[in-house]
């Protein structure tokens, strides 16, 4: 005997549910439309053009510096978005244009706070808003949204010229020889921002540059 398919009855939603769904969809669409698209310019550093964008009251380079003297990631052809890794002395020696600077701790606090990150004693732990600063690729567990345009990749760092281990840490030099580290939380649910006292010639980190918006 042939199997008889069970007749499916159409589902009719109450009017108030249809209205709620419509309002929710419209609200989400408006939120997406209200997100500003980062406007990208360029800055010439060591003979190469680097993309930069305005984030809040600042203008940031949005790719890692990869000029002379730095240590390459592996052979240099894998993950070029990681740029190169520099000692602090090398970082200070980069000839950047007038008005630009190696960022301070406060520069990074200002950047993060513009995206809704809240600091307690210069530390932001397990906050969803940090995803706005991080790239949508390369993170081991927690991919960012990069809605800010800053696009921090988890390039890791090098100690005593060792090969960098990537995937869960994005760390940059500060102007005083310390660092800012954006890290995946051990829980695998959110990122944290930690400032480290580093200032050691044994370490190499990535570089970004900043200036005040006009």
Protein backbone atom coordinates (compact mmCIF):
# COMPACT_ATOMS: atom_id res chain seq x y z
CA UNK A 1 0.00 0.00 0.00
CA UNK A 2 1.33 3.39 -0.95
CA UNK A 3 2.22 5.73 1.88
CA UNK A 4 -0.24 8.57 2.19
CA UNK A 5 1.34 11.92 2.92
CA UNK A 6 -0.11 13.76 5.86
CA UNK A 7 -1.85 16.90 4.75
CA UNK A 8 -0.22 20.02 6.12
CA UNK A 9 -2.50 22.79 7.29
CA UNK A 10 -1.34 26.36 6.78
CA UNK A 11 -0.35 28.17 9.97
CA UNK A 12 -2.07 31.47 10.55
CA UNK A 13 -0.30 33.86 12.90
CA UNK A 14 -2.30 36.23 15.06
CA UNK A 15 -2.27 39.82 13.85
CA UNK A 16 -0.40 41.05 16.94
CA UNK A 17 2.48 38.59 16.32
CA UNK A 18 2.75 39.68 12.69
CA UNK A 19 2.92 43.27 13.89
CA UNK A 20 5.65 42.45 16.41
CA UNK A 21 7.73 40.62 13.80
CA UNK A 22 7.35 43.53 11.39
CA UNK A 23 8.43 46.07 14.01
CA UNK A 24 11.43 43.95 15.05
CA UNK A 25 12.59 43.52 11.45
CA UNK A 26 12.19 47.23 10.76
CA UNK A 27 14.09 48.13 13.94
CA UNK A 28 16.99 45.78 13.07
CA UNK A 29 17.14 47.17 9.56
CA UNK A 30 17.28 50.73 10.88
CA UNK A 31 20.06 49.78 13.36
CA UNK A 32 22.09 48.27 10.52
CA UNK A 33 21.50 51.30 8.33
CA UNK A 34 22.50 53.65 11.17
CA UNK A 35 25.95 52.04 11.48
CA UNK A 36 28.36 54.49 9.81
CA UNK A 37 30.62 53.10 7.11
CA UNK A 38 34.23 53.93 8.01
CA UNK A 39 35.71 56.40 5.53
CA UNK A 40 39.19 55.27 4.51
CA UNK A 41 42.06 57.60 3.62
CA UNK A 42 45.80 56.85 3.41
CA UNK A 43 49.03 57.98 5.07
CA UNK A 44 52.51 57.59 3.61
CA UNK A 45 54.96 55.88 6.00
CA UNK A 46 58.41 54.67 4.93
CA UNK A 47 57.42 54.96 1.27
CA UNK A 48 54.21 52.92 1.53
CA UNK A 49 50.57 54.02 1.69
CA UNK A 50 48.68 52.71 4.72
CA UNK A 51 44.90 52.91 5.01
CA UNK A 52 43.54 55.02 7.85
CA UNK A 53 40.10 55.93 9.12
CA UNK A 54 38.47 58.32 11.58
CA UNK A 55 37.14 56.63 14.71
CA UNK A 56 35.53 59.06 17.11
CA UNK A 57 37.94 61.94 17.74
CA UNK A 58 40.95 60.11 16.30
CA UNK A 59 42.37 58.92 12.99
CA UNK A 60 43.97 55.46 13.11
CA UNK A 61 45.98 53.37 10.70
CA UNK A 62 43.87 50.25 10.22
CA UNK A 63 46.49 47.75 9.06
CA UNK A 64 49.62 46.63 10.87
CA UNK A 65 52.81 48.40 9.87
CA UNK A 66 55.17 46.27 7.75
CA UNK A 67 58.06 48.58 6.95
CA UNK A 68 61.80 47.85 7.17
CA UNK A 69 63.58 46.03 10.03
CA UNK A 70 60.61 44.12 11.43
CA UNK A 71 60.32 40.38 11.91
CA UNK A 72 58.09 38.63 9.38
CA UNK A 73 55.30 36.21 10.23
CA UNK A 74 56.69 32.82 9.17
CA UNK A 75 58.03 33.17 5.60
CA UNK A 76 56.34 36.51 5.04
CA UNK A 77 53.81 35.25 2.51
CA UNK A 78 51.32 33.81 5.02
CA UNK A 79 48.76 36.20 6.53
CA UNK A 80 50.20 39.50 5.25
CA UNK A 81 47.52 41.29 7.31
CA UNK A 82 49.70 40.56 10.37
CA UNK A 83 52.36 42.98 9.16
CA UNK A 84 55.72 42.76 10.96
CA UNK A 85 56.88 42.60 14.56
CA UNK A 86 59.21 45.23 16.04
CA UNK A 87 61.30 45.87 19.13
CA UNK A 88 60.45 49.07 20.97
CA UNK A 89 63.62 50.77 19.71
CA UNK A 90 62.62 49.89 16.14
CA UNK A 91 59.10 51.16 16.79
CA UNK A 92 60.36 54.54 18.03
CA UNK A 93 62.62 54.86 14.98
CA UNK A 94 59.81 54.63 12.40
CA UNK A 95 59.69 57.98 10.52
CA UNK A 96 56.01 58.90 10.75
CA UNK A 97 54.52 62.08 9.24
CA UNK A 98 53.94 65.24 11.25
CA UNK A 99 50.84 65.02 13.43
CA UNK A 100 50.98 61.23 13.68
CA UNK A 101 52.33 59.41 16.73
CA UNK A 102 52.93 56.05 18.35
CA UNK A 103 49.75 55.71 20.47
CA UNK A 104 49.67 56.21 24.22
CA UNK A 105 47.64 54.20 26.71
CA UNK A 106 45.09 57.02 26.74
CA UNK A 107 44.82 56.93 22.95
CA UNK A 108 43.74 53.30 23.12
CA UNK A 109 41.37 53.97 26.02
CA UNK A 110 39.76 56.74 23.97
CA UNK A 111 39.48 54.41 20.98
CA UNK A 112 37.85 51.61 22.97
CA UNK A 113 35.51 53.92 24.90
CA UNK A 114 34.26 55.33 21.59
CA UNK A 115 32.92 51.82 20.91
CA UNK A 116 31.22 51.43 24.29
CA UNK A 117 34.01 49.60 26.13
CA UNK A 118 34.08 50.34 29.88
CA UNK A 119 37.41 50.26 31.76
CA UNK A 120 38.03 49.57 35.42
CA UNK A 121 41.59 50.43 36.45
CA UNK A 122 42.61 50.44 32.78
CA UNK A 123 41.26 46.95 32.22
CA UNK A 124 38.19 45.82 30.26
CA UNK A 125 37.26 42.20 30.90
CA UNK A 126 34.93 39.98 28.87
CA UNK A 127 33.06 42.73 27.05
CA UNK A 128 31.03 42.24 23.88
CA UNK A 129 31.81 45.79 22.71
CA UNK A 130 35.47 44.87 22.18
CA UNK A 131 34.41 42.85 19.14
CA UNK A 132 33.86 46.18 17.36
CA UNK A 133 37.65 46.61 17.35
CA UNK A 134 38.59 43.11 16.20
CA UNK A 135 38.77 41.47 12.78
CA UNK A 136 36.16 39.07 11.47
CA UNK A 137 38.83 36.48 10.61
CA UNK A 138 41.85 34.68 12.11
CA UNK A 139 40.62 34.61 15.73
CA UNK A 140 40.69 31.10 17.15
CA UNK A 141 37.24 31.16 18.78
CA UNK A 142 35.70 34.63 18.96
CA UNK A 143 35.43 36.45 15.64
CA UNK A 144 35.02 40.19 15.82
CA UNK A 145 32.54 42.43 14.02
CA UNK A 146 35.04 45.21 13.14
CA UNK A 147 32.24 47.77 13.00
CA UNK A 148 34.74 50.42 14.14
CA UNK A 149 37.05 49.73 11.19
CA UNK A 150 40.09 49.29 13.47
CA UNK A 151 40.45 45.65 12.37
CA UNK A 152 42.75 44.16 15.03
CA UNK A 153 44.03 40.74 13.93
CA UNK A 154 45.31 38.14 16.44
CA UNK A 155 48.89 38.20 15.19
CA UNK A 156 50.40 37.40 18.59
CA UNK A 157 53.97 38.51 19.35
CA UNK A 158 57.57 37.32 19.27
CA UNK A 159 59.85 36.68 22.25
CA UNK A 160 63.61 36.55 21.58
CA UNK A 161 62.88 36.42 17.84
CA UNK A 162 60.80 33.24 18.15
CA UNK A 163 58.09 32.53 15.59
CA UNK A 164 54.89 34.35 16.62
CA UNK A 165 51.94 32.19 17.69
CA UNK A 166 48.73 33.67 16.35
CA UNK A 167 45.04 33.17 17.00
CA UNK A 168 44.08 34.68 20.34
CA UNK A 169 46.11 37.86 21.05
CA UNK A 170 46.42 41.20 19.25
CA UNK A 171 49.15 43.28 20.93
CA UNK A 172 50.63 46.67 20.05
CA UNK A 173 53.43 48.88 21.37
CA UNK A 174 52.56 52.02 23.32
CA UNK A 175 54.62 55.21 23.20
CA UNK A 176 56.07 54.56 26.68
CA UNK A 177 57.39 51.07 25.85
CA UNK A 178 54.46 49.20 27.36
CA UNK A 179 51.73 47.41 25.38
CA UNK A 180 48.00 47.02 24.87
CA UNK A 181 46.73 43.47 24.44
CA UNK A 182 43.31 42.48 23.06
CA UNK A 183 42.77 38.85 24.04
CA UNK A 184 40.24 36.11 23.70
CA UNK A 185 38.87 35.26 27.13
CA UNK A 186 39.58 31.73 28.34
CA UNK A 187 35.83 31.12 28.39
CA UNK A 188 35.72 31.60 24.62
CA UNK A 189 32.81 34.01 24.98
CA UNK A 190 34.24 37.53 24.83
CA UNK A 191 37.44 39.54 24.47
CA UNK A 192 39.34 41.46 27.12
CA UNK A 193 41.72 44.45 26.92
CA UNK A 194 44.77 44.45 29.18
CA UNK A 195 47.67 46.93 29.38
CA UNK A 196 51.05 45.35 30.13
CA UNK A 197 54.29 46.76 31.52
CA UNK A 198 56.69 45.36 28.94
CA UNK A 199 59.57 47.60 27.80
CA UNK A 200 61.99 44.75 27.09
CA UNK A 201 64.28 44.35 24.07
CA UNK A 202 63.37 40.65 24.01
CA UNK A 203 59.83 41.29 22.77
CA UNK A 204 58.49 42.22 19.34
CA UNK A 205 54.94 43.49 18.80
CA UNK A 206 52.85 44.99 16.01
CA UNK A 207 52.51 48.72 15.33
CA UNK A 208 49.63 51.09 14.67
CA UNK A 209 49.73 54.90 14.48
CA UNK A 210 47.22 57.61 15.42
CA UNK A 211 46.58 61.32 15.09
CA UNK A 212 43.89 63.66 16.30
CA UNK A 213 40.97 64.16 13.94
CA UNK A 214 40.67 67.65 12.50
